[in-house]
């Protein structure tokens, strides 16, 4: 891809730290700018609960060339889903949530329209049949938690729950978050802040306070919207992306940033993503702090469903809230690998066998929903280092 007037310099100054043996990651990070048009970005690698790469470069705003700084954060879209999943895994580890239980046990109104037997695990694995909404939702209504959960509770599933996955692009976080709220009395964003972000010093927010907005990087929208069902307006994919619709430029508004949309509007950088997700690479420990048991971490890797996803149209294997590596979509050489990515390119990969955690966060978006070659090249470089 050639650079545009919204890209940073061809040879960016790379800031941060990188252990000498991981120079291949730094080189791949540089290549993302020189060859792939990155504007501003960060990468972080943790191995054996030690941060071995923490780099950032470029501009947080592609038009003004304000520098991407150590504390720059951006909207990471669906990488946020791994933070929401971590909250529910933590709650389950404490014995307060049962993934096998019916959703309606915690949220009685959810039983409407044939959903009495939908299980919490179906919400985690995108198989609840609620990938989009029947009730029209404006951007402002998406920011209204009560509106969203009432509409979803009143809706009939679009397919038999538990039979197939269909990526719940925006709805998953509302479904998970309402279950958590019914149990704890807290919003998911508040629970995440108190139980994960603050204990780990992670600069990541689901519902970002106004005081942090000045350091948020401006996203450069992709040239194409998400895939929408190959031209069939009645397909599940088309219906999913049509309502609620997502506009990347909404990410620049205070209303989007301050709302809690746990499937899509988390704000952070690669360092803060790794700070939380390293828990699952290290048996429940991050930065020397144990927040989950080893058994609680293993729940993540329990396969819930696999096959061609009804929304994304590709074969996927889902664990408890994360994608799992498979022969069709291999993410690394080991068995216990979980991952996900966000619209535009952000990504997180957790390898519990190698005790490796790799995240990439950027502001220039590509059209993909599950990461792209920029993040994968960094992951490959990390693996090349540890497998030597």
Protein backbone atom coordinates (compact mmCIF):
# COMPACT_ATOMS: atom_id res chain seq x y z
CA UNK A 1 0.00 0.00 0.00
CA UNK A 2 1.29 3.44 -0.83
CA UNK A 3 1.32 6.26 1.68
CA UNK A 4 -1.37 8.94 1.64
CA UNK A 5 -1.39 12.47 2.99
CA UNK A 6 -2.64 10.98 6.25
CA UNK A 7 0.42 8.79 6.80
CA UNK A 8 3.44 9.52 8.95
CA UNK A 9 7.00 9.85 7.66
CA UNK A 10 8.45 6.94 5.71
CA UNK A 11 11.18 6.43 8.32
CA UNK A 12 9.55 7.01 11.71
CA UNK A 13 11.47 7.42 14.92
CA UNK A 14 10.63 4.40 17.02
CA UNK A 15 10.34 4.98 20.75
CA UNK A 16 10.26 2.59 23.69
CA UNK A 17 12.15 -0.53 24.67
CA UNK A 18 13.01 -3.73 22.89
CA UNK A 19 15.26 -6.52 24.16
CA UNK A 20 18.08 -7.17 21.67
CA UNK A 21 16.90 -10.67 20.84
CA UNK A 22 13.54 -9.23 19.71
CA UNK A 23 15.00 -6.85 17.11
CA UNK A 24 13.01 -8.73 14.47
CA UNK A 25 9.80 -7.38 16.03
CA UNK A 26 11.18 -3.84 15.91
CA UNK A 27 12.16 -4.32 12.27
CA UNK A 28 8.67 -5.59 11.40
CA UNK A 29 7.17 -2.62 13.25
CA UNK A 30 9.29 -0.24 11.18
CA UNK A 31 8.21 -2.03 7.99
CA UNK A 32 4.57 -1.39 8.88
CA UNK A 33 5.33 2.31 8.48
CA UNK A 34 7.68 2.19 5.50
CA UNK A 35 5.82 -0.42 3.46
CA UNK A 36 2.27 -0.61 4.80
CA UNK A 37 1.33 3.00 5.41
CA UNK A 38 0.99 3.05 9.18
CA UNK A 39 0.31 6.49 10.65
CA UNK A 40 0.69 5.86 14.37
CA UNK A 41 0.93 2.56 16.22
CA UNK A 42 2.18 0.60 19.20
CA UNK A 43 3.30 -2.98 19.74
CA UNK A 44 3.88 -4.87 22.96
CA UNK A 45 5.22 -8.37 23.58
CA UNK A 46 5.25 -10.17 26.91
CA UNK A 47 7.12 -13.44 27.44
CA UNK A 48 7.02 -15.34 30.73
CA UNK A 49 5.27 -12.33 32.29
CA UNK A 50 8.09 -9.99 31.29
CA UNK A 51 7.55 -7.16 28.79
CA UNK A 52 10.26 -7.70 26.18
CA UNK A 53 8.94 -5.25 23.55
CA UNK A 54 7.11 -1.97 24.20
CA UNK A 55 7.33 0.30 21.16
CA UNK A 56 5.39 3.19 19.67
CA UNK A 57 5.92 5.48 16.68
CA UNK A 58 4.32 7.84 14.23
CA UNK A 59 1.52 10.35 14.65
CA UNK A 60 -1.61 10.10 16.74
CA UNK A 61 -3.36 12.43 14.29
CA UNK A 62 -2.52 11.88 10.63
CA UNK A 63 -3.54 15.39 9.58
CA UNK A 64 -1.67 17.45 12.18
CA UNK A 65 1.18 14.98 12.72
CA UNK A 66 0.90 15.32 16.49
CA UNK A 67 3.22 12.57 17.74
CA UNK A 68 2.01 9.24 19.05
CA UNK A 69 3.30 9.35 22.62
CA UNK A 70 3.91 6.74 25.28
CA UNK A 71 0.46 7.41 26.76
CA UNK A 72 -1.49 7.71 23.49
CA UNK A 73 -4.59 5.52 23.43
CA UNK A 74 -7.04 4.77 20.62
CA UNK A 75 -10.33 2.99 20.03
CA UNK A 76 -9.42 -0.66 19.39
CA UNK A 77 -12.91 -1.77 18.31
CA UNK A 78 -13.38 -5.54 18.77
CA UNK A 79 -10.13 -6.13 20.60
CA UNK A 80 -12.35 -4.75 23.38
CA UNK A 81 -14.24 -8.05 23.29
CA UNK A 82 -11.29 -9.78 24.95
CA UNK A 83 -11.55 -7.36 27.87
CA UNK A 84 -15.27 -8.04 28.26
CA UNK A 85 -14.62 -11.78 28.08
CA UNK A 86 -11.91 -11.44 30.72
CA UNK A 87 -14.47 -9.85 33.06
CA UNK A 88 -16.85 -12.78 32.71
CA UNK A 89 -14.05 -15.33 33.04
CA UNK A 90 -13.00 -13.59 36.25
CA UNK A 91 -16.58 -13.65 37.56
CA UNK A 92 -16.89 -17.35 36.71
CA UNK A 93 -13.57 -18.08 38.42
CA UNK A 94 -15.00 -16.54 41.59
CA UNK A 95 -18.02 -18.82 41.41
CA UNK A 96 -20.48 -15.98 40.76
CA UNK A 97 -21.26 -16.92 37.15
CA UNK A 98 -21.93 -20.31 35.57
CA UNK A 99 -21.31 -20.44 31.82
CA UNK A 100 -23.64 -23.46 31.55
CA UNK A 101 -26.51 -21.60 33.21
CA UNK A 102 -29.42 -20.12 31.28
CA UNK A 103 -29.05 -16.39 30.62
CA UNK A 104 -32.59 -15.91 31.92
CA UNK A 105 -31.49 -17.22 35.33
CA UNK A 106 -29.58 -13.97 35.77
CA UNK A 107 -31.69 -11.78 33.46
CA UNK A 108 -35.32 -12.99 33.52
CA UNK A 109 -36.57 -10.66 30.77
CA UNK A 110 -34.18 -12.33 28.35
CA UNK A 111 -36.38 -15.45 28.21
CA UNK A 112 -38.82 -13.72 25.83
CA UNK A 113 -39.30 -14.87 22.22
CA UNK A 114 -37.99 -18.40 22.65
CA UNK A 115 -34.71 -17.58 24.42
CA UNK A 116 -35.41 -19.35 27.73
CA UNK A 117 -32.78 -22.02 27.04
CA UNK A 118 -30.00 -19.75 25.71
CA UNK A 119 -26.92 -20.31 27.87
CA UNK A 120 -24.26 -17.83 28.97
CA UNK A 121 -21.72 -19.83 26.98
CA UNK A 122 -23.69 -19.01 23.83
CA UNK A 123 -23.15 -15.31 24.50
CA UNK A 124 -19.43 -15.97 24.88
CA UNK A 125 -19.16 -17.92 21.60
CA UNK A 126 -21.28 -15.71 19.29
CA UNK A 127 -23.88 -18.46 19.00
CA UNK A 128 -26.89 -16.85 20.75
CA UNK A 129 -28.57 -15.90 17.47
CA UNK A 130 -28.58 -12.17 18.26
CA UNK A 131 -25.79 -10.90 16.02
CA UNK A 132 -27.78 -7.82 15.03
CA UNK A 133 -30.98 -6.05 16.00
CA UNK A 134 -34.54 -6.01 14.70
CA UNK A 135 -35.32 -2.72 16.47
CA UNK A 136 -33.77 0.18 14.51
CA UNK A 137 -30.99 1.79 16.55
CA UNK A 138 -29.49 5.21 15.91
CA UNK A 139 -25.97 6.04 17.05
CA UNK A 140 -27.41 7.84 20.07
CA UNK A 141 -29.50 4.80 20.99
CA UNK A 142 -26.43 2.56 20.81
CA UNK A 143 -25.00 4.76 23.57
CA UNK A 144 -28.12 4.10 25.69
CA UNK A 145 -27.48 0.90 27.64
CA UNK A 146 -31.07 0.38 28.78
CA UNK A 147 -32.43 0.81 25.27
CA UNK A 148 -30.01 -1.74 23.85
CA UNK A 149 -30.54 -4.46 26.44
CA UNK A 150 -34.33 -4.06 26.40
CA UNK A 151 -34.36 -4.42 22.61
CA UNK A 152 -32.15 -7.49 22.67
CA UNK A 153 -34.14 -9.12 25.47
CA UNK A 154 -37.35 -8.69 23.45
CA UNK A 155 -35.89 -10.09 20.20
CA UNK A 156 -36.20 -13.60 18.81
CA UNK A 157 -32.99 -15.36 17.75
CA UNK A 158 -32.10 -15.31 14.05
CA UNK A 159 -30.98 -18.96 14.18
CA UNK A 160 -31.08 -21.83 16.69
CA UNK A 161 -28.88 -20.77 19.61
CA UNK A 162 -25.86 -22.99 20.08
CA UNK A 163 -26.05 -24.50 16.59
CA UNK A 164 -23.66 -22.14 14.77
CA UNK A 165 -21.63 -19.03 15.44
CA UNK A 166 -22.57 -15.71 13.88
CA UNK A 167 -20.28 -12.88 14.88
CA UNK A 168 -22.09 -10.61 17.35
CA UNK A 169 -20.16 -7.56 16.18
CA UNK A 170 -21.78 -4.94 18.41
CA UNK A 171 -24.38 -6.84 20.43
CA UNK A 172 -22.12 -9.27 22.28
CA UNK A 173 -20.88 -6.73 24.81
CA UNK A 174 -24.40 -5.60 25.73
CA UNK A 175 -25.49 -9.21 26.24
CA UNK A 176 -22.47 -10.11 28.36
CA UNK A 177 -22.52 -6.81 30.19
CA UNK A 178 -26.16 -7.10 31.24
CA UNK A 179 -25.54 -10.55 32.70
CA UNK A 180 -22.60 -9.14 34.64
CA UNK A 181 -24.67 -6.14 35.78
CA UNK A 182 -27.46 -8.37 37.04
CA UNK A 183 -24.95 -10.34 39.10
CA UNK A 184 -22.71 -7.56 40.42
CA UNK A 185 -24.85 -4.43 40.23
CA UNK A 186 -22.00 -2.78 38.30
CA UNK A 187 -21.67 -1.86 34.65
CA UNK A 188 -19.12 -3.91 32.75
CA UNK A 189 -16.93 -0.83 32.29
CA UNK A 190 -16.89 -0.17 36.03
CA UNK A 191 -16.23 -3.82 36.87
CA UNK A 192 -13.40 -3.92 34.34
CA UNK A 193 -11.82 -0.78 35.78
CA UNK A 194 -12.02 -1.92 39.40
CA UNK A 195 -11.19 -5.60 39.01
CA UNK A 196 -8.73 -5.68 36.10
CA UNK A 197 -7.45 -2.32 34.83
CA UNK A 198 -6.66 -0.66 38.15
CA UNK A 199 -5.06 -3.71 39.83
CA UNK A 200 -2.84 -4.20 36.78
CA UNK A 201 -2.19 -0.52 36.05
CA UNK A 202 -3.66 -1.00 32.57
CA UNK A 203 -4.39 2.24 30.72
CA UNK A 204 -7.51 0.82 29.08
CA UNK A 205 -11.11 2.01 29.32
CA UNK A 206 -14.58 0.77 28.41
CA UNK A 207 -16.32 4.10 28.72
CA UNK A 208 -13.44 6.58 28.56
CA UNK A 209 -13.67 9.58 30.94
CA UNK A 210 -13.47 13.04 29.38
CA UNK A 211 -10.16 13.76 31.12
CA UNK A 212 -8.45 11.21 28.84
CA UNK A 213 -9.88 12.41 25.52
CA UNK A 214 -7.05 14.84 24.76
CA UNK A 215 -4.59 11.97 24.36
CA UNK A 216 -6.80 9.75 22.19
CA UNK A 217 -5.43 9.17 18.71
CA UNK A 218 -7.64 9.97 15.74
CA UNK A 219 -8.65 6.92 13.72
CA UNK A 220 -8.15 7.10 9.95
CA UNK A 221 -11.20 5.26 8.53
CA UNK A 222 -10.78 2.38 6.09
CA UNK A 223 -11.62 2.76 2.43
CA UNK A 224 -14.36 0.13 2.66
CA UNK A 225 -16.98 -0.71 5.29
CA UNK A 226 -17.17 -4.17 6.92
CA UNK A 227 -18.37 -7.02 4.72
CA UNK A 228 -22.14 -7.00 4.54
CA UNK A 229 -23.41 -10.29 3.15
CA UNK A 230 -22.17 -10.37 -0.43
CA UNK A 231 -25.04 -8.28 -1.75
CA UNK A 232 -27.91 -10.26 -0.17
CA UNK A 233 -29.80 -7.72 1.96
CA UNK A 234 -31.64 -10.48 3.81
CA UNK A 235 -28.56 -12.42 4.85
CA UNK A 236 -27.62 -12.62 8.50
CA UNK A 237 -24.36 -10.84 7.71
CA UNK A 238 -26.12 -7.92 6.01
CA UNK A 239 -28.65 -7.60 8.82
CA UNK A 240 -25.89 -7.73 11.41
CA UNK A 241 -23.87 -4.86 9.95
CA UNK A 242 -26.90 -2.84 8.87
CA UNK A 243 -28.33 -2.45 12.35
CA UNK A 244 -26.70 -1.18 14.44
CA UNK A 245 -24.53 0.45 11.79
CA UNK A 246 -21.00 1.55 12.71
CA UNK A 247 -19.30 4.66 11.35
CA UNK A 248 -15.59 4.94 12.12
CA UNK A 249 -15.86 8.72 12.35
CA UNK A 250 -18.19 8.35 15.34
CA UNK A 251 -15.09 7.27 17.26
CA UNK A 252 -13.98 10.91 17.22
CA UNK A 253 -16.98 12.05 19.27
CA UNK A 254 -17.18 12.41 23.03
CA UNK A 255 -20.50 10.54 23.05
CA UNK A 256 -18.93 7.41 21.52
CA UNK A 257 -15.89 7.57 23.76
CA UNK A 258 -17.83 7.98 27.00
CA UNK A 259 -20.47 5.31 26.28
CA UNK A 260 -19.97 1.72 27.36
CA UNK A 261 -20.00 -0.49 24.26
CA UNK A 262 -18.04 -3.52 25.51
CA UNK A 263 -17.81 -5.17 22.10
CA UNK A 264 -16.40 -2.16 20.29
CA UNK A 265 -15.35 1.04 22.05
CA UNK A 266 -12.51 0.14 24.39
CA UNK A 267 -9.63 2.63 24.35
CA UNK A 268 -6.06 1.62 25.05
CA UNK A 269 -2.71 0.84 23.47
CA UNK A 270 -0.72 -2.33 22.94
CA UNK A 271 0.89 -2.05 26.38
CA UNK A 272 -2.43 -1.87 28.19
CA UNK A 273 -3.95 -4.69 26.13
CA UNK A 274 -1.04 -6.95 27.06
CA UNK A 275 -1.17 -5.91 30.71
CA UNK A 276 -4.62 -7.51 31.00
CA UNK A 277 -4.44 -10.33 28.47
CA UNK A 278 -1.11 -11.64 29.76
CA UNK A 279 -3.19 -13.10 32.58
CA UNK A 280 -4.24 -15.82 30.17
CA UNK A 281 -0.72 -16.44 28.88
CA UNK A 282 0.66 -16.90 32.38
CA UNK A 283 -1.87 -19.05 34.18
CA UNK A 284 -3.74 -16.17 35.78
CA UNK A 285 -0.77 -13.95 36.62
CA UNK A 286 0.23 -10.62 35.07
CA UNK A 287 3.05 -8.43 36.31
CA UNK A 288 3.47 -10.82 39.20
CA UNK A 289 -0.14 -10.37 40.36
CA UNK A 290 -2.50 -13.34 40.42
CA UNK A 291 -6.07 -12.42 39.53
CA UNK A 292 -7.34 -15.75 38.20
CA UNK A 293 -6.73 -19.38 39.08
CA UNK A 294 -5.08 -21.67 36.54
CA UNK A 295 -8.38 -23.55 36.23
CA UNK A 296 -10.16 -20.26 35.55
CA UNK A 297 -7.74 -19.52 32.72
CA UNK A 298 -8.28 -22.94 31.18
CA UNK A 299 -11.98 -22.17 30.71
CA UNK A 300 -10.95 -19.77 27.92
CA UNK A 301 -9.56 -22.64 25.85
CA UNK A 302 -12.68 -24.86 26.06
CA UNK A 303 -14.01 -25.11 22.51
CA UNK A 304 -17.63 -24.01 22.35
CA UNK A 305 -18.34 -24.12 18.65
CA UNK A 306 -16.55 -24.39 15.31
CA UNK A 307 -17.44 -24.12 11.67
CA UNK A 308 -18.30 -21.48 9.10
CA UNK A 309 -19.39 -18.32 10.87
CA UNK A 310 -22.75 -17.04 9.62
CA UNK A 311 -21.63 -13.40 9.70
CA UNK A 312 -17.93 -13.41 8.84
CA UNK A 313 -18.28 -16.24 6.33
CA UNK A 314 -15.05 -17.99 7.32
CA UNK A 315 -14.38 -21.13 9.40
CA UNK A 316 -13.85 -20.16 13.03
CA UNK A 317 -13.29 -21.98 16.28
CA UNK A 318 -14.50 -20.22 19.41
CA UNK A 319 -13.52 -20.81 23.01
CA UNK A 320 -15.02 -18.93 25.92
CA UNK A 321 -15.03 -15.42 24.50
CA UNK A 322 -12.00 -15.70 22.21
CA UNK A 323 -11.15 -17.20 18.86
CA UNK A 324 -9.01 -20.32 19.12
CA UNK A 325 -6.21 -21.32 16.78
CA UNK A 326 -7.18 -24.03 14.33
CA UNK A 327 -5.79 -25.94 11.36
CA UNK A 328 -7.84 -23.68 9.09
CA UNK A 329 -6.73 -20.49 10.85
CA UNK A 330 -3.44 -21.29 12.64
CA UNK A 331 -2.17 -18.46 14.83
CA UNK A 332 1.01 -20.18 16.01
CA UNK A 333 2.74 -23.52 16.58
CA UNK A 334 1.12 -24.43 19.90
CA UNK A 335 -2.19 -25.89 21.03
CA UNK A 336 -3.42 -23.34 23.59
CA UNK A 337 -3.56 -20.17 21.52
CA UNK A 338 -6.41 -17.66 21.77
CA UNK A 339 -6.79 -14.47 19.79
CA UNK A 340 -9.02 -11.74 18.48
CA UNK A 341 -8.75 -8.51 16.56
CA UNK A 342 -10.59 -5.27 16.02
CA UNK A 343 -12.05 -3.58 12.98
CA UNK A 344 -9.20 -1.71 11.36
CA UNK A 345 -6.31 -3.90 12.44
CA UNK A 346 -5.72 -4.02 16.20
CA UNK A 347 -5.02 -7.50 17.54
CA UNK A 348 -4.16 -9.63 20.54
CA UNK A 349 -2.72 -13.15 20.52
CA UNK A 350 -2.27 -15.24 23.67
CA UNK A 351 -0.11 -18.38 23.62
CA UNK A 352 -0.47 -20.11 26.98
CA UNK A 353 1.98 -22.86 26.02
CA UNK A 354 4.76 -20.41 25.12
CA UNK A 355 3.63 -17.92 27.81
CA UNK A 356 3.62 -15.33 25.05
CA UNK A 357 1.30 -12.35 24.58
CA UNK A 358 1.48 -10.03 21.55
CA UNK A 359 -0.65 -6.96 20.82
CA UNK A 360 -0.67 -4.40 18.02
CA UNK A 361 -2.74 -1.19 18.15
CA UNK A 362 -2.84 1.49 15.46
CA UNK A 363 -4.90 4.41 14.16
CA UNK A 364 -4.87 3.85 10.36
CA UNK A 365 -7.64 1.36 9.74
CA UNK A 366 -7.87 -1.34 7.12
CA UNK A 367 -11.22 -2.91 6.24
CA UNK A 368 -10.65 -6.21 8.08
CA UNK A 369 -12.51 -7.17 11.25
CA UNK A 370 -10.04 -9.68 12.71
CA UNK A 371 -6.64 -8.06 12.34
CA UNK A 372 -4.49 -7.85 9.21
CA UNK A 373 -0.93 -8.51 7.97
CA UNK A 374 0.54 -5.64 10.00
CA UNK A 375 -0.27 -7.33 13.29
CA UNK A 376 0.43 -10.82 11.99
CA UNK A 377 3.91 -9.80 10.82
CA UNK A 378 4.73 -8.68 14.36
CA UNK A 379 3.41 -11.95 15.77
CA UNK A 380 5.47 -13.93 13.26
CA UNK A 381 8.60 -11.97 14.21
CA UNK A 382 7.99 -12.72 17.89
CA UNK A 383 7.62 -16.42 17.16
CA UNK A 384 10.75 -16.44 15.01
CA UNK A 385 12.64 -15.06 18.01
CA UNK A 386 11.41 -17.49 20.65
CA UNK A 387 11.63 -20.55 18.39
CA UNK A 388 15.28 -20.03 17.44
